[in-house]
Amino acid sequence: MKNTERLSKIKRMRTWGNWSMVIGILLMYTGYAFFAGYLDFIPLLGNLLKGSYIFMTLLLIIGFILTMGSTVLFMISGMVSTSAPQVQCPSCQKVTKMLGKEDACMFCGQPLRLEDGHPQQNQT
């Protein structure tokens, strides 16, 4: 697995968005599965939470908030990505986008830095 310290900032935002989407959907399905009795084989919780409107509603609300939060994260990363300067990575020679003065290449993880007077912007 890749070292997360060397991920670009845009890629890190998208990763958080993906994980919050997956966790939110799993929470919503879990809440419904306990309510409907699909998980009543679990020793203590199965029969206790079967038919529990409060538990199901709580998990549905938390899952919905996580899913909407991931939508907002994807929207922000898309808007930021459109205005980010493009630079060419000296290591892999691919064009990547940078947020801020220091970032990493989206493809190889090479640390990149923009100097104040000499931005390495791509001329496309």
N, C-alpha and C. Protein backbone atom coordinates (compact mmCIF):
# COMPACT_ATOMS: atom_id res chain seq x y z
N MET A 1 0.84 -1.19 0.00
CA MET A 1 0.00 0.00 0.00
C MET A 1 0.87 1.24 0.00
N LYS A 2 0.38 2.28 -0.65
CA LYS A 2 1.13 3.52 -0.77
C LYS A 2 1.18 4.26 0.56
N ASN A 3 2.28 4.96 0.77
CA ASN A 3 2.42 5.80 1.95
C ASN A 3 1.50 7.01 1.81
N THR A 4 0.62 7.23 2.79
CA THR A 4 -0.37 8.31 2.66
C THR A 4 0.25 9.69 2.83
N GLU A 5 1.46 9.78 3.36
CA GLU A 5 2.10 11.09 3.49
C GLU A 5 2.50 11.64 2.13
N ARG A 6 2.67 10.76 1.15
CA ARG A 6 3.11 11.19 -0.17
C ARG A 6 1.98 11.26 -1.17
N LEU A 7 0.73 11.25 -0.72
CA LEU A 7 -0.40 11.42 -1.62
C LEU A 7 -0.63 12.91 -1.86
N SER A 8 -1.08 13.24 -3.05
CA SER A 8 -1.38 14.64 -3.31
C SER A 8 -2.62 15.05 -2.51
N LYS A 9 -2.76 16.35 -2.31
CA LYS A 9 -3.85 16.84 -1.47
C LYS A 9 -5.22 16.57 -2.09
N ILE A 10 -5.31 16.68 -3.41
CA ILE A 10 -6.59 16.42 -4.08
C ILE A 10 -6.94 14.94 -3.95
N LYS A 11 -5.94 14.08 -4.11
CA LYS A 11 -6.17 12.65 -3.99
C LYS A 11 -6.58 12.27 -2.56
N ARG A 12 -5.98 12.95 -1.58
CA ARG A 12 -6.34 12.70 -0.18
C ARG A 12 -7.79 13.10 0.09
N MET A 13 -8.24 14.22 -0.48
CA MET A 13 -9.63 14.65 -0.30
C MET A 13 -10.59 13.64 -0.93
N ARG A 14 -10.24 13.15 -2.10
CA ARG A 14 -11.09 12.16 -2.76
C ARG A 14 -11.13 10.85 -1.99
N THR A 15 -10.00 10.47 -1.39
CA THR A 15 -9.97 9.25 -0.58
C THR A 15 -10.88 9.38 0.64
N TRP A 16 -10.83 10.52 1.31
CA TRP A 16 -11.74 10.76 2.45
C TRP A 16 -13.20 10.72 1.99
N GLY A 17 -13.47 11.29 0.83
CA GLY A 17 -14.83 11.26 0.29
C GLY A 17 -15.31 9.84 0.01
N ASN A 18 -14.43 9.03 -0.59
CA ASN A 18 -14.80 7.64 -0.87
C ASN A 18 -15.07 6.86 0.42
N TRP A 19 -14.18 7.00 1.39
CA TRP A 19 -14.37 6.25 2.64
C TRP A 19 -15.62 6.69 3.39
N SER A 20 -15.90 7.98 3.42
CA SER A 20 -17.11 8.42 4.13
C SER A 20 -18.36 7.96 3.40
N MET A 21 -18.32 7.87 2.08
CA MET A 21 -19.46 7.35 1.32
C MET A 21 -19.70 5.87 1.66
N VAL A 22 -18.63 5.08 1.64
CA VAL A 22 -18.76 3.65 1.93
C VAL A 22 -19.25 3.42 3.36
N ILE A 23 -18.68 4.12 4.32
CA ILE A 23 -19.08 3.94 5.73
C ILE A 23 -20.52 4.39 5.93
N GLY A 24 -20.92 5.49 5.30
CA GLY A 24 -22.30 5.97 5.42
C GLY A 24 -23.30 4.97 4.88
N ILE A 25 -23.03 4.41 3.71
CA ILE A 25 -23.96 3.44 3.13
C ILE A 25 -24.01 2.17 3.96
N LEU A 26 -22.84 1.71 4.46
CA LEU A 26 -22.83 0.52 5.32
C LEU A 26 -23.60 0.75 6.61
N LEU A 27 -23.49 1.94 7.19
CA LEU A 27 -24.26 2.24 8.40
C LEU A 27 -25.76 2.21 8.13
N MET A 28 -26.17 2.76 7.00
CA MET A 28 -27.60 2.76 6.69
C MET A 28 -28.11 1.34 6.47
N TYR A 29 -27.36 0.51 5.75
CA TYR A 29 -27.78 -0.88 5.56
C TYR A 29 -27.78 -1.66 6.87
N THR A 30 -26.81 -1.40 7.74
CA THR A 30 -26.76 -2.07 9.04
C THR A 30 -27.97 -1.70 9.89
N GLY A 31 -28.34 -0.42 9.89
CA GLY A 31 -29.51 0.01 10.65
C GLY A 31 -30.77 -0.68 10.18
N TYR A 32 -30.94 -0.78 8.86
CA TYR A 32 -32.11 -1.46 8.34
C TYR A 32 -32.06 -2.96 8.62
N ALA A 33 -30.88 -3.58 8.52
CA ALA A 33 -30.76 -5.02 8.74
C ALA A 33 -31.09 -5.39 10.18
N PHE A 34 -30.66 -4.57 11.14
CA PHE A 34 -31.04 -4.84 12.54
C PHE A 34 -32.54 -4.67 12.73
N PHE A 35 -33.11 -3.61 12.14
CA PHE A 35 -34.54 -3.35 12.29
C PHE A 35 -35.38 -4.48 11.71
N ALA A 36 -34.99 -4.97 10.54
CA ALA A 36 -35.79 -5.99 9.86
C ALA A 36 -35.58 -7.38 10.44
N GLY A 37 -34.57 -7.55 11.27
CA GLY A 37 -34.34 -8.84 11.89
C GLY A 37 -33.40 -9.75 11.12
N TYR A 38 -32.71 -9.20 10.14
CA TYR A 38 -31.77 -10.01 9.37
C TYR A 38 -30.54 -10.38 10.20
N LEU A 39 -30.24 -9.62 11.23
CA LEU A 39 -29.06 -9.86 12.05
C LEU A 39 -29.43 -10.36 13.44
N ASP A 40 -30.54 -11.07 13.57
CA ASP A 40 -30.94 -11.54 14.90
C ASP A 40 -30.13 -12.76 15.34
N PHE A 41 -29.21 -13.26 14.52
CA PHE A 41 -28.34 -14.35 14.93
C PHE A 41 -27.18 -13.85 15.80
N ILE A 42 -26.97 -12.52 15.86
CA ILE A 42 -25.93 -11.95 16.73
C ILE A 42 -26.42 -12.07 18.17
N PRO A 43 -25.62 -12.68 19.06
CA PRO A 43 -26.11 -13.08 20.39
C PRO A 43 -26.91 -12.05 21.17
N LEU A 44 -26.37 -10.93 21.56
CA LEU A 44 -27.10 -10.01 22.43
C LEU A 44 -27.85 -8.93 21.64
N LEU A 45 -27.19 -8.38 20.65
CA LEU A 45 -27.76 -7.24 19.93
C LEU A 45 -28.87 -7.62 18.97
N GLY A 46 -28.83 -8.81 18.40
CA GLY A 46 -29.78 -9.19 17.37
C GLY A 46 -31.23 -9.06 17.80
N ASN A 47 -31.60 -9.73 18.89
CA ASN A 47 -32.98 -9.68 19.36
C ASN A 47 -33.32 -8.37 20.06
N LEU A 48 -32.30 -7.74 20.65
CA LEU A 48 -32.53 -6.48 21.37
C LEU A 48 -32.88 -5.35 20.40
N LEU A 49 -32.21 -5.30 19.26
CA LEU A 49 -32.40 -4.21 18.32
C LEU A 49 -33.39 -4.52 17.20
N LYS A 50 -33.94 -5.73 17.19
CA LYS A 50 -34.92 -6.09 16.17
C LYS A 50 -36.18 -5.25 16.36
N GLY A 51 -36.56 -4.51 15.34
CA GLY A 51 -37.75 -3.67 15.40
C GLY A 51 -37.54 -2.36 16.12
N SER A 52 -36.30 -1.99 16.41
CA SER A 52 -36.01 -0.75 17.12
C SER A 52 -35.99 0.43 16.14
N TYR A 53 -37.02 1.26 16.20
CA TYR A 53 -37.10 2.42 15.33
C TYR A 53 -36.02 3.44 15.65
N ILE A 54 -35.71 3.59 16.93
CA ILE A 54 -34.74 4.60 17.34
C ILE A 54 -33.35 4.27 16.80
N PHE A 55 -32.92 3.01 16.94
CA PHE A 55 -31.60 2.61 16.46
C PHE A 55 -31.51 2.72 14.94
N MET A 56 -32.55 2.26 14.26
CA MET A 56 -32.55 2.34 12.80
C MET A 56 -32.50 3.80 12.34
N THR A 57 -33.30 4.65 12.95
CA THR A 57 -33.33 6.07 12.58
C THR A 57 -31.99 6.73 12.84
N LEU A 58 -31.38 6.41 13.97
CA LEU A 58 -30.08 6.98 14.32
C LEU A 58 -29.02 6.60 13.28
N LEU A 59 -28.95 5.31 12.91
CA LEU A 59 -27.97 4.88 11.92
C LEU A 59 -28.28 5.44 10.54
N LEU A 60 -29.55 5.56 10.18
CA LEU A 60 -29.90 6.14 8.90
C LEU A 60 -29.51 7.61 8.82
N ILE A 61 -29.71 8.34 9.90
CA ILE A 61 -29.35 9.77 9.91
C ILE A 61 -27.83 9.94 9.86
N ILE A 62 -27.10 9.16 10.65
CA ILE A 62 -25.63 9.25 10.63
C ILE A 62 -25.09 8.87 9.25
N GLY A 63 -25.62 7.80 8.67
CA GLY A 63 -25.19 7.38 7.34
C GLY A 63 -25.51 8.41 6.28
N PHE A 64 -26.68 9.03 6.39
CA PHE A 64 -27.07 10.07 5.43
C PHE A 64 -26.14 11.28 5.54
N ILE A 65 -25.81 11.67 6.77
CA ILE A 65 -24.91 12.81 6.96
C ILE A 65 -23.52 12.50 6.39
N LEU A 66 -23.02 11.29 6.61
CA LEU A 66 -21.73 10.91 6.03
C LEU A 66 -21.77 10.91 4.51
N THR A 67 -22.85 10.42 3.94
CA THR A 67 -22.97 10.38 2.49
C THR A 67 -23.05 11.79 1.91
N MET A 68 -23.80 12.66 2.54
CA MET A 68 -23.88 14.05 2.06
C MET A 68 -22.55 14.77 2.27
N GLY A 69 -21.85 14.46 3.37
CA GLY A 69 -20.53 15.04 3.59
C GLY A 69 -19.55 14.63 2.51
N SER A 70 -19.63 13.39 2.07
CA SER A 70 -18.74 12.95 1.00
C SER A 70 -19.09 13.64 -0.31
N THR A 71 -20.37 13.91 -0.53
CA THR A 71 -20.77 14.64 -1.73
C THR A 71 -20.18 16.05 -1.71
N VAL A 72 -20.21 16.68 -0.56
CA VAL A 72 -19.62 18.02 -0.42
C VAL A 72 -18.11 17.96 -0.65
N LEU A 73 -17.44 16.93 -0.10
CA LEU A 73 -16.00 16.78 -0.30
C LEU A 73 -15.66 16.62 -1.78
N PHE A 74 -16.43 15.80 -2.49
CA PHE A 74 -16.19 15.63 -3.92
C PHE A 74 -16.43 16.93 -4.68
N MET A 75 -17.44 17.68 -4.28
CA MET A 75 -17.73 18.95 -4.93
C MET A 75 -16.58 19.95 -4.70
N ILE A 76 -16.10 20.02 -3.47
CA ILE A 76 -14.99 20.93 -3.15
C ILE A 76 -13.73 20.52 -3.89
N SER A 77 -13.42 19.22 -3.91
CA SER A 77 -12.20 18.79 -4.59
C SER A 77 -12.30 19.03 -6.09
N GLY A 78 -13.48 18.93 -6.65
CA GLY A 78 -13.64 19.23 -8.07
C GLY A 78 -13.47 20.70 -8.37
N MET A 79 -14.02 21.57 -7.51
CA MET A 79 -13.88 23.00 -7.74
C MET A 79 -12.44 23.46 -7.54
N VAL A 80 -11.79 22.92 -6.53
CA VAL A 80 -10.39 23.27 -6.28
C VAL A 80 -9.50 22.76 -7.40
N SER A 81 -9.83 21.59 -7.92
CA SER A 81 -9.02 20.98 -8.97
C SER A 81 -9.05 21.80 -10.27
N THR A 82 -10.13 22.50 -10.52
CA THR A 82 -10.20 23.28 -11.76
C THR A 82 -9.30 24.51 -11.72
N SER A 83 -9.04 25.05 -10.54
CA SER A 83 -8.22 26.26 -10.45
C SER A 83 -6.79 25.97 -10.00
N ALA A 84 -6.43 24.71 -9.79
CA ALA A 84 -5.09 24.35 -9.35
C ALA A 84 -4.11 24.46 -10.52
N PRO A 85 -2.91 24.99 -10.25
CA PRO A 85 -1.92 25.08 -11.33
C PRO A 85 -1.40 23.70 -11.72
N GLN A 86 -1.14 23.53 -13.00
CA GLN A 86 -0.62 22.26 -13.49
C GLN A 86 0.90 22.37 -13.62
N VAL A 87 1.59 21.36 -13.12
CA VAL A 87 3.04 21.30 -13.23
C VAL A 87 3.44 19.94 -13.78
N GLN A 88 4.63 19.88 -14.32
CA GLN A 88 5.14 18.61 -14.83
C GLN A 88 6.05 18.02 -13.76
N CYS A 89 5.80 16.78 -13.41
CA CYS A 89 6.59 16.10 -12.40
C CYS A 89 7.98 15.78 -12.97
N PRO A 90 9.03 16.13 -12.23
CA PRO A 90 10.37 15.84 -12.74
C PRO A 90 10.71 14.34 -12.70
N SER A 91 10.00 13.59 -11.92
CA SER A 91 10.29 12.16 -11.78
C SER A 91 9.63 11.32 -12.86
N CYS A 92 8.30 11.46 -13.02
CA CYS A 92 7.57 10.61 -13.96
C CYS A 92 7.19 11.34 -15.26
N GLN A 93 7.47 12.63 -15.33
CA GLN A 93 7.20 13.46 -16.51
C GLN A 93 5.72 13.58 -16.86
N LYS A 94 4.82 13.33 -15.91
CA LYS A 94 3.39 13.49 -16.15
C LYS A 94 2.94 14.84 -15.59
N VAL A 95 1.90 15.37 -16.17
CA VAL A 95 1.35 16.65 -15.72
C VAL A 95 0.42 16.38 -14.54
N THR A 96 0.65 17.08 -13.43
CA THR A 96 -0.14 16.90 -12.23
C THR A 96 -0.59 18.26 -11.71
N LYS A 97 -1.58 18.28 -10.85
CA LYS A 97 -2.09 19.54 -10.29
C LYS A 97 -1.58 19.68 -8.86
N MET A 98 -1.33 20.93 -8.48
CA MET A 98 -0.80 21.20 -7.14
C MET A 98 -1.74 22.12 -6.37
N LEU A 99 -1.90 21.84 -5.09
CA LEU A 99 -2.61 22.73 -4.18
C LEU A 99 -1.58 23.31 -3.22
N GLY A 100 -1.52 24.60 -3.14
CA GLY A 100 -0.58 25.24 -2.24
C GLY A 100 0.82 25.27 -2.84
N LYS A 101 1.80 25.59 -1.99
CA LYS A 101 3.18 25.68 -2.46
C LYS A 101 3.89 24.33 -2.42
N GLU A 102 3.43 23.42 -1.57
CA GLU A 102 4.03 22.09 -1.49
C GLU A 102 2.95 21.05 -1.65
N ASP A 103 3.22 20.08 -2.49
CA ASP A 103 2.27 18.99 -2.72
C ASP A 103 3.06 17.79 -3.23
N ALA A 104 2.38 16.73 -3.58
CA ALA A 104 3.03 15.55 -4.13
C ALA A 104 2.41 15.25 -5.49
N CYS A 105 3.15 14.54 -6.31
CA CYS A 105 2.65 14.14 -7.62
C CYS A 105 1.50 13.16 -7.44
N MET A 106 0.44 13.31 -8.24
CA MET A 106 -0.71 12.43 -8.15
C MET A 106 -0.39 11.01 -8.61
N PHE A 107 0.64 10.85 -9.41
CA PHE A 107 0.93 9.56 -10.02
C PHE A 107 2.03 8.79 -9.29
N CYS A 108 3.16 9.46 -8.99
CA CYS A 108 4.29 8.74 -8.39
C CYS A 108 4.55 9.13 -6.94
N GLY A 109 3.95 10.20 -6.44
CA GLY A 109 4.13 10.60 -5.05
C GLY A 109 5.37 11.45 -4.81
N GLN A 110 6.03 11.87 -5.86
CA GLN A 110 7.23 12.71 -5.74
C GLN A 110 6.85 14.05 -5.09
N PRO A 111 7.55 14.46 -4.01
CA PRO A 111 7.26 15.77 -3.42
C PRO A 111 7.59 16.89 -4.41
N LEU A 112 6.67 17.85 -4.53
CA LEU A 112 6.84 18.97 -5.45
C LEU A 112 6.73 20.27 -4.67
N ARG A 113 7.40 21.30 -5.17
CA ARG A 113 7.36 22.61 -4.51
C ARG A 113 7.35 23.69 -5.58
N LEU A 114 6.49 24.69 -5.40
CA LEU A 114 6.45 25.86 -6.28
C LEU A 114 7.26 26.97 -5.62
N GLU A 115 8.22 27.53 -6.34
CA GLU A 115 8.96 28.68 -5.83
C GLU A 115 8.13 29.93 -6.07
N ASP A 116 8.35 30.96 -5.26
CA ASP A 116 7.56 32.19 -5.37
C ASP A 116 7.74 32.87 -6.72
N GLY A 117 8.96 33.01 -7.18
CA GLY A 117 9.19 33.74 -8.41
C GLY A 117 9.16 32.90 -9.66
N HIS A 118 9.31 31.59 -9.54
CA HIS A 118 9.44 30.73 -10.71
C HIS A 118 8.45 29.58 -10.65
N PRO A 119 7.17 29.83 -10.91
CA PRO A 119 6.23 28.71 -10.93
C PRO A 119 6.49 27.82 -12.15
N GLN A 120 6.43 26.51 -11.94
CA GLN A 120 6.69 25.56 -13.02
C GLN A 120 5.39 25.17 -13.70
N GLN A 121 4.63 26.12 -14.18
CA GLN A 121 3.33 25.81 -14.76
C GLN A 121 3.49 25.21 -16.15
N ASN A 122 2.59 24.33 -16.47
CA ASN A 122 2.59 23.68 -17.78
C ASN A 122 2.01 24.65 -18.80
N GLN A 123 2.58 24.71 -19.97
CA GLN A 123 2.13 25.63 -21.00
C GLN A 123 1.20 24.91 -21.98
N THR A 124 0.01 24.51 -21.54
CA THR A 124 -0.96 23.85 -22.43
C THR A 124 -2.19 24.68 -22.58
